[in-house]
């Protein structure tokens, strides 16, 4: 993982963790034990889906940076669809409070995406390979050297 990628991942997590902790605590206070479990499951879903999505994005674009936007949109779409499937599957569960789960998931996911956007904008990434600067003197010296045909 490149240092810029690690910085963006840390930024997303540092924005989502405090929001997730507060959401879990509020869920526990409002809905009791089932709210606590629902909040923890919501935070876990965000961590797995969004953290895994970021890892997949970095893996896909490591050698092909030109597909970053397409891969990013595809992964984000898959993440949202998976979250939707998870919500539909567990909407009538008695394991945890579905409302606490959904609200915790929503605020934590928004914090994750917001942190990712902020740290992406703060990160200065080169999108072109800089050309080495050659002084006029060096350029004249290179032009003045006769090139030999035998490679020496």
Protein backbone atom coordinates (compact mmCIF):
# COMPACT_ATOMS: atom_id res chain seq x y z
CA UNK A 1 0.00 0.00 0.00
CA UNK A 2 1.38 3.38 -0.96
CA UNK A 3 1.86 6.02 1.72
CA UNK A 4 -0.91 8.16 0.19
CA UNK A 5 -3.30 5.23 0.32
CA UNK A 6 -2.43 4.51 3.93
CA UNK A 7 -2.98 8.16 4.79
CA UNK A 8 -6.41 8.14 3.15
CA UNK A 9 -7.35 4.89 4.93
CA UNK A 10 -6.24 6.32 8.29
CA UNK A 11 -8.22 9.49 7.58
CA UNK A 12 -11.38 7.56 6.77
CA UNK A 13 -11.01 5.38 9.85
CA UNK A 14 -10.17 8.32 12.11
CA UNK A 15 -13.39 10.03 11.01
CA UNK A 16 -15.55 6.89 11.32
CA UNK A 17 -14.29 5.51 14.64
CA UNK A 18 -15.43 8.36 16.93
CA UNK A 19 -18.77 8.61 15.13
CA UNK A 20 -19.22 4.84 15.42
CA UNK A 21 -18.37 4.86 19.13
CA UNK A 22 -20.86 7.66 19.84
CA UNK A 23 -23.52 5.92 17.74
CA UNK A 24 -23.01 2.64 19.62
CA UNK A 25 -23.23 4.40 22.97
CA UNK A 26 -26.40 6.26 21.98
CA UNK A 27 -27.90 3.02 20.65
CA UNK A 28 -27.10 1.28 23.92
CA UNK A 29 -28.62 4.08 25.98
CA UNK A 30 -31.78 4.34 23.88
CA UNK A 31 -32.45 0.68 23.04
CA UNK A 32 -30.55 -1.21 25.72
CA UNK A 33 -28.64 -4.43 25.08
CA UNK A 34 -30.26 -5.04 21.68
CA UNK A 35 -29.32 -1.48 20.69
CA UNK A 36 -25.73 -2.07 21.75
CA UNK A 37 -25.54 -5.24 19.66
CA UNK A 38 -27.21 -3.49 16.72
CA UNK A 39 -24.77 -0.59 16.93
CA UNK A 40 -21.77 -2.92 17.10
CA UNK A 41 -23.02 -4.90 14.12
CA UNK A 42 -23.53 -1.65 12.19
CA UNK A 43 -19.98 -0.50 12.91
CA UNK A 44 -18.63 -3.94 11.97
CA UNK A 45 -20.51 -3.90 8.65
CA UNK A 46 -19.05 -0.49 7.80
CA UNK A 47 -15.55 -1.58 8.77
CA UNK A 48 -15.72 -4.78 6.73
CA UNK A 49 -17.49 -3.46 3.64
CA UNK A 50 -15.82 -0.06 3.38
CA UNK A 51 -12.39 -1.19 4.57
CA UNK A 52 -12.53 -4.18 2.23
CA UNK A 53 -13.72 -1.98 -0.60
CA UNK A 54 -10.81 0.40 -0.10
CA UNK A 55 -8.36 -2.51 -0.05
CA UNK A 56 -9.90 -3.89 -3.25
CA UNK A 57 -9.70 -0.49 -4.91
CA UNK A 58 -6.02 -0.13 -4.08
CA UNK A 59 -5.37 -3.67 -5.32
CA UNK A 60 -7.21 -3.07 -8.60
CA UNK A 61 -5.55 0.25 -9.35
CA UNK A 62 -2.02 -0.50 -8.17
CA UNK A 63 -0.77 -1.28 -11.68
CA UNK A 64 -3.51 0.50 -13.64
CA UNK A 65 -4.14 3.96 -12.17
CA UNK A 66 -6.11 4.97 -15.27
CA UNK A 67 -9.06 2.80 -14.13
CA UNK A 68 -9.31 4.44 -10.71
CA UNK A 69 -12.57 6.29 -11.31
CA UNK A 70 -14.32 3.33 -12.95
CA UNK A 71 -13.11 0.91 -10.27
CA UNK A 72 -14.03 3.35 -7.51
CA UNK A 73 -17.58 3.77 -8.78
CA UNK A 74 -17.98 0.03 -9.27
CA UNK A 75 -16.72 -0.78 -5.77
CA UNK A 76 -18.86 1.93 -4.18
CA UNK A 77 -21.93 0.58 -5.99
CA UNK A 78 -21.17 -2.96 -4.82
CA UNK A 79 -20.66 -1.71 -1.24
CA UNK A 80 -24.03 0.04 -1.19
CA UNK A 81 -25.75 -3.00 -2.72
CA UNK A 82 -24.17 -5.31 -0.12
CA UNK A 83 -25.21 -3.00 2.71
CA UNK A 84 -28.75 -2.97 1.26
CA UNK A 85 -28.80 -6.78 1.05
CA UNK A 86 -27.52 -7.00 4.64
CA UNK A 87 -30.26 -4.64 5.82
CA UNK A 88 -32.98 -6.56 3.95
CA UNK A 89 -31.79 -9.92 5.26
CA UNK A 90 -31.71 -8.73 8.88
CA UNK A 91 -34.69 -6.36 8.86
CA UNK A 92 -36.89 -8.63 10.99
CA UNK A 93 -34.19 -10.04 13.22
CA UNK A 94 -34.55 -10.41 16.96
CA UNK A 95 -30.77 -10.63 17.49
CA UNK A 96 -30.42 -6.84 17.65
CA UNK A 97 -32.39 -3.63 17.32
CA UNK A 98 -32.74 -3.02 13.55
CA UNK A 99 -33.27 0.73 13.96
CA UNK A 100 -30.13 1.13 16.08
CA UNK A 101 -28.26 -0.99 13.54
CA UNK A 102 -29.47 1.04 10.56
CA UNK A 103 -28.82 4.45 12.11
CA UNK A 104 -25.37 3.44 13.36
CA UNK A 105 -24.52 2.02 9.96
CA UNK A 106 -25.72 5.19 8.22
CA UNK A 107 -23.84 7.71 10.33
CA UNK A 108 -20.67 5.61 10.44
CA UNK A 109 -20.71 5.05 6.67
CA UNK A 110 -21.23 8.77 6.04
CA UNK A 111 -18.34 9.58 8.38
CA UNK A 112 -16.15 7.01 6.59
CA UNK A 113 -16.90 8.43 3.15
CA UNK A 114 -16.52 12.00 4.41
CA UNK A 115 -13.14 11.22 5.97
CA UNK A 116 -12.05 9.51 2.80
CA UNK A 117 -13.02 12.53 0.70
CA UNK A 118 -11.32 15.02 3.04
CA UNK A 119 -8.07 13.09 3.22
CA UNK A 120 -8.08 12.41 -0.52
CA UNK A 121 -8.38 16.14 -1.16
CA UNK A 122 -5.56 16.89 1.32
CA UNK A 123 -3.22 14.32 -0.20
CA UNK A 124 -1.04 15.69 -2.94
CA UNK A 125 -0.65 12.92 -5.48
CA UNK A 126 1.25 13.18 -8.73
CA UNK A 127 -0.91 12.16 -11.64
CA UNK A 128 1.86 12.55 -14.23
CA UNK A 129 5.48 11.53 -14.15
CA UNK A 130 7.55 14.71 -13.88
CA UNK A 131 10.16 15.21 -16.58
CA UNK A 132 13.69 15.71 -15.31
CA UNK A 133 14.86 19.28 -15.72
CA UNK A 134 17.90 19.65 -17.95
CA UNK A 135 19.77 22.92 -17.89
CA UNK A 136 20.63 24.73 -21.12
CA UNK A 137 24.32 24.04 -20.50
CA UNK A 138 23.74 20.28 -20.14
CA UNK A 139 21.55 20.28 -23.24
CA UNK A 140 24.32 21.97 -25.30
CA UNK A 141 26.87 19.47 -23.98
CA UNK A 142 24.64 16.55 -24.96
CA UNK A 143 24.09 17.98 -28.45
CA UNK A 144 27.79 18.70 -28.91
CA UNK A 145 28.86 15.10 -28.17
CA UNK A 146 29.22 13.11 -31.37
CA UNK A 147 27.38 9.85 -31.29
CA UNK A 148 29.36 6.82 -32.33
CA UNK A 149 27.72 4.15 -34.39
CA UNK A 150 29.48 1.21 -32.73
CA UNK A 151 27.91 1.88 -29.32
CA UNK A 152 31.03 3.19 -27.52
